[in-house]
């Protein structure tokens, strides 16, 4: 899976989770820029990503997933 495909899948998950248009998410989207992305939102987001990309994300990686771009990095590493 290419990084572009990963980012597209991320946009789909983010749009579904946070009820916003796909194009409203940038590499810098984070809990600081998206009020709906709180601690519970993060847990729900991780679960949705695990389901969408059919993988398990260990807790040590989950704590690093602080921006849209960093989530893409973690997923790219797991899917390589």
PDB file of N, CA and C in Angstrom:
ATOM      1  N   UNK A   1       0.843  -1.174   0.000  1.00  0.00           N
ATOM      2  CA  UNK A   1       0.000   0.000   0.000  1.00  0.00           C
ATOM      3  C   UNK A   1       0.895   1.246   0.000  1.00  0.00           C
ATOM      4  N   UNK A   2       0.599   2.155  -0.903  1.00  0.00           N
ATOM      5  CA  UNK A   2       1.407   3.378  -1.000  1.00  0.00           C
ATOM      6  C   UNK A   2       0.999   4.370   0.086  1.00  0.00           C
ATOM      7  N   UNK A   3       1.874   5.352   0.319  1.00  0.00           N
ATOM      8  CA  UNK A   3       1.551   6.370   1.315  1.00  0.00           C
ATOM      9  C   UNK A   3       0.316   7.158   0.893  1.00  0.00           C
ATOM     10  N   UNK A   4       0.147   7.382  -0.398  1.00  0.00           N
ATOM     11  CA  UNK A   4      -1.045   8.067  -0.879  1.00  0.00           C
ATOM     12  C   UNK A   4      -2.318   7.291  -0.560  1.00  0.00           C
ATOM     13  N   UNK A   5      -2.276   5.978  -0.717  1.00  0.00           N
ATOM     14  CA  UNK A   5      -3.427   5.136  -0.388  1.00  0.00           C
ATOM     15  C   UNK A   5      -3.692   5.144   1.124  1.00  0.00           C
ATOM     16  N   UNK A   6      -2.613   5.128   1.899  1.00  0.00           N
ATOM     17  CA  UNK A   6      -2.754   5.202   3.356  1.00  0.00           C
ATOM     18  C   UNK A   6      -3.414   6.517   3.746  1.00  0.00           C
ATOM     19  N   UNK A   7      -2.915   7.620   3.200  1.00  0.00           N
ATOM     20  CA  UNK A   7      -3.473   8.932   3.525  1.00  0.00           C
ATOM     21  C   UNK A   7      -4.945   9.033   3.116  1.00  0.00           C
ATOM     22  N   UNK A   8      -5.298   8.452   1.977  1.00  0.00           N
ATOM     23  CA  UNK A   8      -6.696   8.469   1.546  1.00  0.00           C
ATOM     24  C   UNK A   8      -7.558   7.683   2.532  1.00  0.00           C
ATOM     25  N   UNK A   9      -7.080   6.514   2.942  1.00  0.00           N
ATOM     26  CA  UNK A   9      -7.807   5.731   3.941  1.00  0.00           C
ATOM     27  C   UNK A   9      -7.934   6.480   5.256  1.00  0.00           C
ATOM     28  N   UNK A  10      -6.874   7.181   5.640  1.00  0.00           N
ATOM     29  CA  UNK A  10      -6.907   8.002   6.857  1.00  0.00           C
ATOM     30  C   UNK A  10      -7.968   9.087   6.755  1.00  0.00           C
ATOM     31  N   UNK A  11      -8.012   9.755   5.612  1.00  0.00           N
ATOM     32  CA  UNK A  11      -9.010  10.813   5.415  1.00  0.00           C
ATOM     33  C   UNK A  11     -10.430  10.257   5.547  1.00  0.00           C
ATOM     34  N   UNK A  12     -10.640   9.061   4.993  1.00  0.00           N
ATOM     35  CA  UNK A  12     -11.960   8.430   5.084  1.00  0.00           C
ATOM     36  C   UNK A  12     -12.322   8.140   6.535  1.00  0.00           C
ATOM     37  N   UNK A  13     -11.371   7.598   7.297  1.00  0.00           N
ATOM     38  CA  UNK A  13     -11.617   7.284   8.707  1.00  0.00           C
ATOM     39  C   UNK A  13     -11.851   8.568   9.496  1.00  0.00           C
ATOM     40  N   UNK A  14     -10.991   9.566   9.295  1.00  0.00           N
ATOM     41  CA  UNK A  14     -11.144  10.837  10.002  1.00  0.00           C
ATOM     42  C   UNK A  14     -12.494  11.470   9.690  1.00  0.00           C
ATOM     43  N   UNK A  15     -12.891  11.470   8.420  1.00  0.00           N
ATOM     44  CA  UNK A  15     -14.165  12.076   8.024  1.00  0.00           C
ATOM     45  C   UNK A  15     -15.328  11.365   8.706  1.00  0.00           C
ATOM     46  N   UNK A  16     -15.262  10.054   8.771  1.00  0.00           N
ATOM     47  CA  UNK A  16     -16.311   9.278   9.407  1.00  0.00           C
ATOM     48  C   UNK A  16     -16.328   9.496  10.920  1.00  0.00           C
ATOM     49  N   UNK A  17     -15.161   9.485  11.536  1.00  0.00           N
ATOM     50  CA  UNK A  17     -15.059   9.607  12.993  1.00  0.00           C
ATOM     51  C   UNK A  17     -15.445  11.000  13.492  1.00  0.00           C
ATOM     52  N   UNK A  18     -15.005  12.025  12.763  1.00  0.00           N
ATOM     53  CA  UNK A  18     -15.169  13.388  13.247  1.00  0.00           C
ATOM     54  C   UNK A  18     -16.215  14.189  12.477  1.00  0.00           C
ATOM     55  N   UNK A  19     -16.930  13.509  11.551  1.00  0.00           N
ATOM     56  CA  UNK A  19     -18.052  14.105  10.825  1.00  0.00           C
ATOM     57  C   UNK A  19     -17.677  15.433  10.155  1.00  0.00           C
ATOM     58  N   UNK A  20     -16.580  15.383   9.405  1.00  0.00           N
ATOM     59  CA  UNK A  20     -16.107  16.551   8.657  1.00  0.00           C
ATOM     60  C   UNK A  20     -15.712  16.091   7.248  1.00  0.00           C
ATOM     61  N   UNK A  21     -15.673  17.014   6.274  1.00  0.00           N
ATOM     62  CA  UNK A  21     -15.267  16.629   4.911  1.00  0.00           C
ATOM     63  C   UNK A  21     -13.822  16.125   4.885  1.00  0.00           C
ATOM     64  N   UNK A  22     -13.560  15.162   4.012  1.00  0.00           N
ATOM     65  CA  UNK A  22     -12.223  14.578   3.902  1.00  0.00           C
ATOM     66  C   UNK A  22     -11.146  15.620   3.652  1.00  0.00           C
ATOM     67  N   UNK A  23     -11.461  16.653   2.874  1.00  0.00           N
ATOM     68  CA  UNK A  23     -10.441  17.637   2.524  1.00  0.00           C
ATOM     69  C   UNK A  23     -10.153  18.631   3.649  1.00  0.00           C
ATOM     70  N   UNK A  24     -10.830  18.487   4.784  1.00  0.00           N
ATOM     71  CA  UNK A  24     -10.571  19.400   5.902  1.00  0.00           C
ATOM     72  C   UNK A  24      -9.410  18.932   6.776  1.00  0.00           C
ATOM     73  N   UNK A  25      -8.856  17.756   6.487  1.00  0.00           N
ATOM     74  CA  UNK A  25      -7.759  17.214   7.284  1.00  0.00           C
ATOM     75  C   UNK A  25      -6.436  17.394   6.555  1.00  0.00           C
ATOM     76  N   UNK A  26      -5.465  17.935   7.271  1.00  0.00           N
ATOM     77  CA  UNK A  26      -4.132  18.145   6.707  1.00  0.00           C
ATOM     78  C   UNK A  26      -3.124  17.344   7.513  1.00  0.00           C
ATOM     79  N   UNK A  27      -1.879  17.373   7.067  1.00  0.00           N
ATOM     80  CA  UNK A  27      -0.803  16.665   7.770  1.00  0.00           C
ATOM     81  C   UNK A  27      -0.673  17.151   9.204  1.00  0.00           C
ATOM     82  N   UNK A  28      -1.041  18.399   9.462  1.00  0.00           N
ATOM     83  CA  UNK A  28      -0.894  18.989  10.792  1.00  0.00           C
ATOM     84  C   UNK A  28      -2.128  18.837  11.677  1.00  0.00           C
ATOM     85  N   UNK A  29      -3.171  18.186  11.174  1.00  0.00           N
ATOM     86  CA  UNK A  29      -4.354  17.984  12.001  1.00  0.00           C
ATOM     87  C   UNK A  29      -3.961  17.206  13.252  1.00  0.00           C
ATOM     88  N   UNK A  30      -4.383  17.726  14.403  1.00  0.00           N
ATOM     89  CA  UNK A  30      -3.995  17.124  15.683  1.00  0.00           C
ATOM     90  C   UNK A  30      -5.094  17.394  16.711  1.00  0.00           C
ATOM     91  N   UNK A  31      -4.957  16.837  17.908  1.00  0.00           N
ATOM     92  CA  UNK A  31      -5.928  17.168  18.953  1.00  0.00           C
ATOM     93  C   UNK A  31      -5.962  18.660  19.264  1.00  0.00           C
ATOM     94  N   UNK A  32      -4.880  19.364  18.990  1.00  0.00           N
ATOM     95  CA  UNK A  32      -4.851  20.814  19.216  1.00  0.00           C
ATOM     96  C   UNK A  32      -5.689  21.579  18.187  1.00  0.00           C
ATOM     97  N   UNK A  33      -5.859  21.018  16.998  1.00  0.00           N
ATOM     98  CA  UNK A  33      -6.591  21.710  15.938  1.00  0.00           C
ATOM     99  C   UNK A  33      -7.989  21.143  15.702  1.00  0.00           C
ATOM    100  N   UNK A  34      -8.293  20.022  16.353  1.00  0.00           N
ATOM    101  CA  UNK A  34      -9.574  19.339  16.151  1.00  0.00           C
ATOM    102  C   UNK A  34     -10.153  19.007  17.525  1.00  0.00           C
ATOM    103  N   UNK A  35     -11.104  19.821  17.977  1.00  0.00           N
ATOM    104  CA  UNK A  35     -11.618  19.692  19.346  1.00  0.00           C
ATOM    105  C   UNK A  35     -12.253  18.329  19.625  1.00  0.00           C
ATOM    106  N   UNK A  36     -12.795  17.682  18.608  1.00  0.00           N
ATOM    107  CA  UNK A  36     -13.420  16.377  18.795  1.00  0.00           C
ATOM    108  C   UNK A  36     -12.400  15.273  19.088  1.00  0.00           C
ATOM    109  N   UNK A  37     -11.127  15.556  18.813  1.00  0.00           N
ATOM    110  CA  UNK A  37     -10.080  14.553  18.997  1.00  0.00           C
ATOM    111  C   UNK A  37      -9.555  14.658  20.432  1.00  0.00           C
ATOM    112  N   UNK A  38     -10.352  14.175  21.366  1.00  0.00           N
ATOM    113  CA  UNK A  38      -9.953  14.146  22.764  1.00  0.00           C
ATOM    114  C   UNK A  38      -9.474  12.737  23.104  1.00  0.00           C
ATOM    115  N   UNK A  39      -9.306  12.418  24.377  1.00  0.00           N
ATOM    116  CA  UNK A  39      -8.752  11.110  24.749  1.00  0.00           C
ATOM    117  C   UNK A  39      -9.669   9.970  24.311  1.00  0.00           C
ATOM    118  N   UNK A  40     -10.974  10.133  24.488  1.00  0.00           N
ATOM    119  CA  UNK A  40     -11.899   9.102  24.032  1.00  0.00           C
ATOM    120  C   UNK A  40     -11.918   9.039  22.506  1.00  0.00           C
ATOM    121  N   UNK A  41     -11.867  10.195  21.873  1.00  0.00           N
ATOM    122  CA  UNK A  41     -11.802  10.234  20.412  1.00  0.00           C
ATOM    123  C   UNK A  41     -10.569   9.525  19.885  1.00  0.00           C
ATOM    124  N   UNK A  42      -9.464   9.631  20.608  1.00  0.00           N
ATOM    125  CA  UNK A  42      -8.223   8.971  20.183  1.00  0.00           C
ATOM    126  C   UNK A  42      -8.372   7.449  20.253  1.00  0.00           C
ATOM    127  N   UNK A  43      -8.987   6.972  21.317  1.00  0.00           N
ATOM    128  CA  UNK A  43      -9.205   5.525  21.456  1.00  0.00           C
ATOM    129  C   UNK A  43     -10.108   5.021  20.341  1.00  0.00           C
ATOM    130  N   UNK A  44     -11.175   5.748  20.073  1.00  0.00           N
ATOM    131  CA  UNK A  44     -12.086   5.363  18.995  1.00  0.00           C
ATOM    132  C   UNK A  44     -11.395   5.423  17.637  1.00  0.00           C
ATOM    133  N   UNK A  45     -10.554   6.435  17.441  1.00  0.00           N
ATOM    134  CA  UNK A  45      -9.811   6.583  16.192  1.00  0.00           C
ATOM    135  C   UNK A  45      -8.866   5.409  15.981  1.00  0.00           C
ATOM    136  N   UNK A  46      -8.124   5.039  17.002  1.00  0.00           N
ATOM    137  CA  UNK A  46      -7.196   3.903  16.895  1.00  0.00           C
ATOM    138  C   UNK A  46      -7.964   2.627  16.554  1.00  0.00           C
ATOM    139  N   UNK A  47      -9.090   2.403  17.218  1.00  0.00           N
ATOM    140  CA  UNK A  47      -9.891   1.208  16.930  1.00  0.00           C
ATOM    141  C   UNK A  47     -10.385   1.211  15.481  1.00  0.00           C
ATOM    142  N   UNK A  48     -10.824   2.360  15.000  1.00  0.00           N
ATOM    143  CA  UNK A  48     -11.293   2.461  13.613  1.00  0.00           C
ATOM    144  C   UNK A  48     -10.156   2.227  12.626  1.00  0.00           C
ATOM    145  N   UNK A  49      -8.971   2.738  12.940  1.00  0.00           N
ATOM    146  CA  UNK A  49      -7.816   2.532  12.063  1.00  0.00           C
ATOM    147  C   UNK A  49      -7.406   1.065  12.042  1.00  0.00           C
ATOM    148  N   UNK A  50      -7.432   0.418  13.197  1.00  0.00           N
ATOM    149  CA  UNK A  50      -7.085  -1.007  13.249  1.00  0.00           C
ATOM    150  C   UNK A  50      -8.048  -1.817  12.395  1.00  0.00           C
ATOM    151  N   UNK A  51      -9.328  -1.468  12.448  1.00  0.00           N
ATOM    152  CA  UNK A  51     -10.319  -2.178  11.641  1.00  0.00           C
ATOM    153  C   UNK A  51     -10.140  -1.874  10.156  1.00  0.00           C
ATOM    154  N   UNK A  52      -9.992  -0.607   9.805  1.00  0.00           N
ATOM    155  CA  UNK A  52      -9.877  -0.191   8.397  1.00  0.00           C
ATOM    156  C   UNK A  52      -8.652  -0.781   7.721  1.00  0.00           C
ATOM    157  N   UNK A  53      -7.521  -0.803   8.446  1.00  0.00           N
ATOM    158  CA  UNK A  53      -6.266  -1.267   7.853  1.00  0.00           C
ATOM    159  C   UNK A  53      -5.916  -2.704   8.248  1.00  0.00           C
ATOM    160  N   UNK A  54      -6.819  -3.357   8.985  1.00  0.00           N
ATOM    161  CA  UNK A  54      -6.667  -4.761   9.376  1.00  0.00           C
ATOM    162  C   UNK A  54      -5.306  -5.027  10.023  1.00  0.00           C
ATOM    163  N   UNK A  55      -5.031  -4.278  11.096  1.00  0.00           N
ATOM    164  CA  UNK A  55      -3.784  -4.466  11.835  1.00  0.00           C
ATOM    165  C   UNK A  55      -3.999  -4.100  13.286  1.00  0.00           C
ATOM    166  N   UNK A  56      -3.005  -4.429  14.096  1.00  0.00           N
ATOM    167  CA  UNK A  56      -3.045  -4.094  15.512  1.00  0.00           C
ATOM    168  C   UNK A  56      -1.974  -3.041  15.783  1.00  0.00           C
ATOM    169  N   UNK A  57      -2.356  -1.992  16.484  1.00  0.00           N
ATOM    170  CA  UNK A  57      -1.424  -0.912  16.789  1.00  0.00           C
ATOM    171  C   UNK A  57      -1.100  -0.985  18.278  1.00  0.00           C
ATOM    172  N   UNK A  58       0.145  -1.337  18.629  1.00  0.00           N
ATOM    173  CA  UNK A  58       0.495  -1.460  20.045  1.00  0.00           C
ATOM    174  C   UNK A  58       0.468  -0.109  20.763  1.00  0.00           C
ATOM    175  N   UNK A  59       0.251  -0.142  22.082  1.00  0.00           N
ATOM    176  CA  UNK A  59       0.137   1.101  22.854  1.00  0.00           C
ATOM    177  C   UNK A  59       1.321   2.048  22.683  1.00  0.00           C
ATOM    178  N   UNK A  60       2.530   1.521  22.570  1.00  0.00           N
ATOM    179  CA  UNK A  60       3.697   2.390  22.418  1.00  0.00           C
ATOM    180  C   UNK A  60       3.657   3.177  21.110  1.00  0.00           C
ATOM    181  N   UNK A  61       2.996   2.642  20.093  1.00  0.00           N
ATOM    182  CA  UNK A  61       2.828   3.384  18.845  1.00  0.00           C
ATOM    183  C   UNK A  61       1.639   4.347  18.941  1.00  0.00           C
ATOM    184  N   UNK A  62       0.609   3.954  19.677  1.00  0.00           N
ATOM    185  CA  UNK A  62      -0.579   4.795  19.812  1.00  0.00           C
ATOM    186  C   UNK A  62      -0.255   6.149  20.433  1.00  0.00           C
ATOM    187  N   UNK A  63       0.676   6.175  21.376  1.00  0.00           N
ATOM    188  CA  UNK A  63       1.006   7.434  22.041  1.00  0.00           C
ATOM    189  C   UNK A  63       1.788   8.376  21.127  1.00  0.00           C
ATOM    190  N   UNK A  64       2.375   7.845  20.056  1.00  0.00           N
ATOM    191  CA  UNK A  64       3.111   8.668  19.097  1.00  0.00           C
ATOM    192  C   UNK A  64       2.207   9.249  18.015  1.00  0.00           C
ATOM    193  N   UNK A  65       0.974   8.804  17.959  1.00  0.00           N
ATOM    194  CA  UNK A  65       0.058   9.181  16.886  1.00  0.00           C
ATOM    195  C   UNK A  65      -0.636  10.500  17.232  1.00  0.00           C
ATOM    196  N   UNK A  66       0.129  11.591  17.167  1.00  0.00           N
ATOM    197  CA  UNK A  66      -0.346  12.889  17.632  1.00  0.00           C
ATOM    198  C   UNK A  66      -0.778  13.837  16.527  1.00  0.00           C
ATOM    199  N   UNK A  67      -0.518  13.480  15.270  1.00  0.00           N
ATOM    200  CA  UNK A  67      -0.977  14.277  14.133  1.00  0.00           C
ATOM    201  C   UNK A  67      -1.395  13.322  13.015  1.00  0.00           C
ATOM    202  N   UNK A  68      -2.128  13.845  12.067  1.00  0.00           N
ATOM    203  CA  UNK A  68      -2.518  13.064  10.893  1.00  0.00           C
ATOM    204  C   UNK A  68      -1.281  12.465  10.237  1.00  0.00           C
ATOM    205  N   UNK A  69      -0.231  13.281  10.074  1.00  0.00           N
ATOM    206  CA  UNK A  69       0.989  12.836   9.408  1.00  0.00           C
ATOM    207  C   UNK A  69       1.702  11.741  10.204  1.00  0.00           C
ATOM    208  N   UNK A  70       1.774  11.885  11.516  1.00  0.00           N
ATOM    209  CA  UNK A  70       2.428  10.864  12.335  1.00  0.00           C
ATOM    210  C   UNK A  70       1.650   9.551  12.325  1.00  0.00           C
ATOM    211  N   UNK A  71       0.327   9.646  12.268  1.00  0.00           N
ATOM    212  CA  UNK A  71      -0.475   8.426  12.146  1.00  0.00           C
ATOM    213  C   UNK A  71      -0.148   7.732  10.831  1.00  0.00           C
ATOM    214  N   UNK A  72      -0.043   8.506   9.757  1.00  0.00           N
ATOM    215  CA  UNK A  72       0.335   7.936   8.460  1.00  0.00           C
ATOM    216  C   UNK A  72       1.689   7.264   8.520  1.00  0.00           C
ATOM    217  N   UNK A  73       2.634   7.855   9.242  1.00  0.00           N
ATOM    218  CA  UNK A  73       3.967   7.249   9.391  1.00  0.00           C
ATOM    219  C   UNK A  73       3.880   5.900  10.098  1.00  0.00           C
ATOM    220  N   UNK A  74       3.120   5.847  11.181  1.00  0.00           N
ATOM    221  CA  UNK A  74       2.966   4.594  11.928  1.00  0.00           C
ATOM    222  C   UNK A  74       2.310   3.535  11.045  1.00  0.00           C
ATOM    223  N   UNK A  75       1.257   3.910  10.347  1.00  0.00           N
ATOM    224  CA  UNK A  75       0.570   2.944   9.477  1.00  0.00           C
ATOM    225  C   UNK A  75       1.481   2.476   8.350  1.00  0.00           C
ATOM    226  N   UNK A  76       2.245   3.395   7.749  1.00  0.00           N
ATOM    227  CA  UNK A  76       3.151   3.009   6.666  1.00  0.00           C
ATOM    228  C   UNK A  76       4.175   1.994   7.168  1.00  0.00           C
ATOM    229  N   UNK A  77       4.678   2.211   8.375  1.00  0.00           N
ATOM    230  CA  UNK A  77       5.645   1.280   8.947  1.00  0.00           C
ATOM    231  C   UNK A  77       5.006  -0.091   9.185  1.00  0.00           C
ATOM    232  N   UNK A  78       3.793  -0.114   9.715  1.00  0.00           N
ATOM    233  CA  UNK A  78       3.109  -1.367  10.012  1.00  0.00           C
ATOM    234  C   UNK A  78       2.698  -2.112   8.743  1.00  0.00           C
ATOM    235  N   UNK A  79       2.389  -1.375   7.697  1.00  0.00           N
ATOM    236  CA  UNK A  79       1.897  -1.998   6.466  1.00  0.00           C
ATOM    237  C   UNK A  79       3.018  -2.335   5.471  1.00  0.00           C
ATOM    238  N   UNK A  80       4.254  -1.963   5.792  1.00  0.00           N
ATOM    239  CA  UNK A  80       5.381  -2.212   4.882  1.00  0.00           C
ATOM    240  C   UNK A  80       5.702  -3.704   4.801  1.00  0.00           C
TER     241      UNK A  80
END
